[in-house]
Amino acid sequence: MADHLPISESLGVFVGVSGFDWLAEGQAEPLKAVLAAIATGAVIMVRRHWLQKHRKD
């Protein structure tokens, strides 16, 4: 399970969303950035799990 956790990808989405908000609006919205990072991390984790189950050897 630990191999499927997208920690660096989720952190990258968090930094990207909060940085874009800060540059575009002058203030960051951490709640929006956290929600986007969690949603993206969940999608990546499910996709990795699905690919591992359906990989042809």
C-alpha atoms as a PDB file:
ATOM      1  CA  MET A   1       0.000   0.000   0.000  1.00  0.00           C
ATOM      2  CA  ALA A   2       2.835   2.402   0.752  1.00  0.00           C
ATOM      3  CA  ASP A   3       4.068   2.077  -2.836  1.00  0.00           C
ATOM      4  CA  HIS A   4       0.778   3.503  -4.081  1.00  0.00           C
ATOM      5  CA  LEU A   5       0.715   6.627  -1.874  1.00  0.00           C
ATOM      6  CA  PRO A   6       1.310   9.706  -4.048  1.00  0.00           C
ATOM      7  CA  ILE A   7       2.859  11.924  -1.376  1.00  0.00           C
ATOM      8  CA  SER A   8       5.139  13.951  -3.629  1.00  0.00           C
ATOM      9  CA  GLU A   9       2.423  14.408  -6.253  1.00  0.00           C
ATOM     10  CA  SER A  10      -0.086  15.584  -3.634  1.00  0.00           C
ATOM     11  CA  LEU A  11       2.442  17.957  -2.138  1.00  0.00           C
ATOM     12  CA  GLY A  12       3.171  19.318  -5.607  1.00  0.00           C
ATOM     13  CA  VAL A  13      -0.532  19.941  -6.254  1.00  0.00           C
ATOM     14  CA  PHE A  14      -0.873  21.677  -2.872  1.00  0.00           C
ATOM     15  CA  VAL A  15       2.085  23.972  -3.535  1.00  0.00           C
ATOM     16  CA  GLY A  16       0.938  24.637  -7.096  1.00  0.00           C
ATOM     17  CA  VAL A  17      -2.642  25.517  -6.200  1.00  0.00           C
ATOM     18  CA  SER A  18      -1.720  27.654  -3.201  1.00  0.00           C
ATOM     19  CA  GLY A  19       1.066  29.372  -5.154  1.00  0.00           C
ATOM     20  CA  PHE A  20      -1.219  30.116  -8.089  1.00  0.00           C
ATOM     21  CA  ASP A  21      -3.860  31.540  -5.740  1.00  0.00           C
ATOM     22  CA  TRP A  22      -1.268  33.679  -4.030  1.00  0.00           C
ATOM     23  CA  LEU A  23       0.065  35.040  -7.316  1.00  0.00           C
ATOM     24  CA  ALA A  24      -3.335  35.535  -8.966  1.00  0.00           C
ATOM     25  CA  GLU A  25      -5.373  36.836  -6.033  1.00  0.00           C
ATOM     26  CA  GLY A  26      -2.746  38.062  -3.586  1.00  0.00           C
ATOM     27  CA  GLN A  27      -3.656  35.518  -0.935  1.00  0.00           C
ATOM     28  CA  ALA A  28      -3.553  31.740  -0.745  1.00  0.00           C
ATOM     29  CA  GLU A  29      -6.534  29.608   0.195  1.00  0.00           C
ATOM     30  CA  PRO A  30      -5.048  26.609   2.015  1.00  0.00           C
ATOM     31  CA  LEU A  31      -8.361  24.756   2.348  1.00  0.00           C
ATOM     32  CA  LYS A  32      -8.895  24.800  -1.420  1.00  0.00           C
ATOM     33  CA  ALA A  33      -5.303  23.658  -1.965  1.00  0.00           C
ATOM     34  CA  VAL A  34      -5.625  20.809   0.559  1.00  0.00           C
ATOM     35  CA  LEU A  35      -8.872  19.596  -1.003  1.00  0.00           C
ATOM     36  CA  ALA A  36      -7.348  19.649  -4.483  1.00  0.00           C
ATOM     37  CA  ALA A  37      -4.264  17.787  -3.253  1.00  0.00           C
ATOM     38  CA  ILE A  38      -6.334  15.109  -1.492  1.00  0.00           C
ATOM     39  CA  ALA A  39      -8.583  14.620  -4.511  1.00  0.00           C
ATOM     40  CA  THR A  40      -5.629  14.360  -6.881  1.00  0.00           C
ATOM     41  CA  GLY A  41      -3.796  11.991  -4.546  1.00  0.00           C
ATOM     42  CA  ALA A  42      -6.857   9.744  -4.303  1.00  0.00           C
ATOM     43  CA  VAL A  43      -7.237   9.605  -8.082  1.00  0.00           C
ATOM     44  CA  ILE A  44      -3.552   8.772  -8.549  1.00  0.00           C
ATOM     45  CA  MET A  45      -3.669   6.091  -5.842  1.00  0.00           C
ATOM     46  CA  VAL A  46      -6.746   4.418  -7.348  1.00  0.00           C
ATOM     47  CA  ARG A  47      -5.225   4.554 -10.824  1.00  0.00           C
ATOM     48  CA  ARG A  48      -1.952   2.972  -9.640  1.00  0.00           C
ATOM     49  CA  HIS A  49      -3.864   0.226  -7.859  1.00  0.00           C
ATOM     50  CA  TRP A  50      -6.009  -0.430 -10.938  1.00  0.00           C
ATOM     51  CA  LEU A  51      -2.979  -0.520 -13.240  1.00  0.00           C
ATOM     52  CA  GLN A  52      -1.185  -2.977 -10.983  1.00  0.00           C
ATOM     53  CA  LYS A  53      -4.198  -5.323 -10.971  1.00  0.00           C
ATOM     54  CA  HIS A  54      -4.660  -5.144 -14.747  1.00  0.00           C
ATOM     55  CA  ARG A  55      -1.016  -5.250 -15.812  1.00  0.00           C
ATOM     56  CA  LYS A  56      -0.205  -7.958 -18.310  1.00  0.00           C
ATOM     57  CA  ASP A  57       2.950  -9.886 -17.434  1.00  0.00           C
END
